[in-house]
Amino acid sequence: MIEVAKNYALMSVCNKRKVGAVVVKDGEIISYGFNHGYHEACDCSMTEKNSHVIHAEQMALSGSDKDIYEGATLYVTYKPCDKCEVLIKKCKIVEVVVG
């Protein structure tokens, strides 16, 4: 599944880092995400944090019914940041695989 997450990362238009995420439950992909900004074109700073970026994990876990993620596994191409770690715990993801 990490290869699937890497394929979703290719959808990102970010120049700084392309990140993909896949949520799997009971052997099925139930959600996916990739990092992106609020604009179609990337205007990220290569040296600073970019607050306008939506992280791949945020996109993958953005469903209104957070209960669907309970017990799932998240596959992500980079280690989640602290803010995404909080979201992952809130959604009751049981395993995070980074690759």
Protein backbone atom coordinates (compact mmCIF):
# COMPACT_ATOMS: atom_id res chain seq x y z
CA MET A 1 0.00 0.00 0.00
CA ILE A 2 2.93 2.35 0.47
CA GLU A 3 3.42 2.21 -3.30
CA VAL A 4 -0.18 3.37 -3.74
CA ALA A 5 0.53 6.28 -1.37
CA LYS A 6 3.60 7.14 -3.46
CA ASN A 7 1.42 7.20 -6.57
CA TYR A 8 -1.01 9.62 -4.89
CA ALA A 9 1.98 11.78 -3.93
CA LEU A 10 2.59 12.30 -7.65
CA MET A 11 -0.71 14.22 -7.81
CA SER A 12 0.78 16.96 -5.63
CA VAL A 13 1.90 20.12 -7.41
CA CYS A 14 4.12 21.13 -4.49
CA ASN A 15 7.69 21.97 -5.49
CA LYS A 16 9.08 21.45 -1.99
CA ARG A 17 7.84 17.94 -1.18
CA LYS A 18 5.27 15.57 -2.64
CA VAL A 19 3.45 13.58 0.05
CA GLY A 20 0.80 10.90 -0.40
CA ALA A 21 -1.40 9.05 2.09
CA VAL A 22 -3.78 6.09 1.89
CA VAL A 23 -6.22 4.93 4.59
CA VAL A 24 -6.92 1.19 4.54
CA LYS A 25 -9.58 -0.64 6.55
CA ASP A 26 -10.49 -4.30 6.22
CA GLY A 27 -8.18 -4.60 3.21
CA GLU A 28 -9.92 -1.80 1.28
CA ILE A 29 -8.73 1.72 0.51
CA ILE A 30 -11.31 3.98 2.12
CA SER A 31 -9.58 7.31 1.59
CA TYR A 32 -6.49 8.94 0.12
CA GLY A 33 -4.76 12.28 0.16
CA PHE A 34 -1.85 14.30 -1.14
CA ASN A 35 -0.42 17.62 -0.02
CA HIS A 36 -1.60 20.71 -1.82
CA GLY A 37 -2.08 24.40 -1.36
CA TYR A 38 -5.15 26.54 -1.68
CA HIS A 39 -4.07 27.48 -5.20
CA GLU A 40 -3.54 25.18 -8.16
CA ALA A 41 0.04 26.36 -8.63
CA CYS A 42 2.64 25.81 -5.91
CA ASP A 43 3.92 28.95 -4.23
CA CYS A 44 5.66 27.23 -1.32
CA SER A 45 8.75 28.68 0.25
CA MET A 46 11.55 26.16 -0.02
CA THR A 47 13.07 27.33 3.27
CA GLU A 48 10.12 28.15 5.55
CA LYS A 49 6.99 26.44 6.87
CA ASN A 50 4.03 26.95 4.59
CA SER A 51 0.84 27.44 6.57
CA HIS A 52 -1.36 27.48 3.47
CA VAL A 53 -0.59 23.84 2.64
CA ILE A 54 -3.09 21.05 3.34
CA HIS A 55 -1.17 17.95 4.36
CA ALA A 56 -1.81 14.57 2.74
CA GLU A 57 -3.00 13.17 6.07
CA GLN A 58 -5.45 16.05 6.52
CA MET A 59 -6.93 15.41 3.09
CA ALA A 60 -7.13 11.64 3.66
CA LEU A 61 -8.83 12.10 7.04
CA SER A 62 -11.16 14.94 6.05
CA GLY A 63 -14.40 12.96 5.93
CA SER A 64 -17.19 14.36 8.08
CA ASP A 65 -17.79 10.96 9.72
CA LYS A 66 -14.54 10.34 11.63
CA ASP A 67 -15.89 6.96 12.86
CA ILE A 68 -15.16 5.39 9.46
CA TYR A 69 -11.42 5.66 10.16
CA GLU A 70 -11.53 3.82 13.50
CA GLY A 71 -9.32 0.73 13.37
CA ALA A 72 -7.78 1.65 10.01
CA THR A 73 -4.15 1.81 8.92
CA LEU A 74 -2.63 4.96 7.42
CA TYR A 75 0.13 4.58 4.86
CA VAL A 76 2.02 7.83 4.29
CA THR A 77 5.18 8.69 2.37
CA TYR A 78 6.70 10.97 5.06
CA LYS A 79 6.50 11.00 8.84
CA PRO A 80 3.41 12.95 9.95
CA CYS A 81 3.91 16.31 11.67
CA ASP A 82 2.68 16.93 15.22
CA LYS A 83 -0.58 18.50 14.00
CA CYS A 84 -1.33 15.49 11.80
CA GLU A 85 -0.42 13.10 14.64
CA VAL A 86 -3.19 14.68 16.72
CA LEU A 87 -5.66 14.21 13.85
CA ILE A 88 -4.56 10.59 13.40
CA LYS A 89 -5.20 9.87 17.08
CA LYS A 90 -8.55 11.65 16.97
CA CYS A 91 -9.60 9.41 14.06
CA LYS A 92 -8.50 6.31 16.02
CA ILE A 93 -6.11 5.06 13.35
CA VAL A 94 -4.46 1.94 14.82
CA GLU A 95 -1.28 1.89 12.73
CA VAL A 96 0.78 4.36 10.71
CA VAL A 97 3.18 3.01 8.11
CA VAL A 98 5.77 5.47 6.81
CA GLY A 99 7.71 4.68 3.69
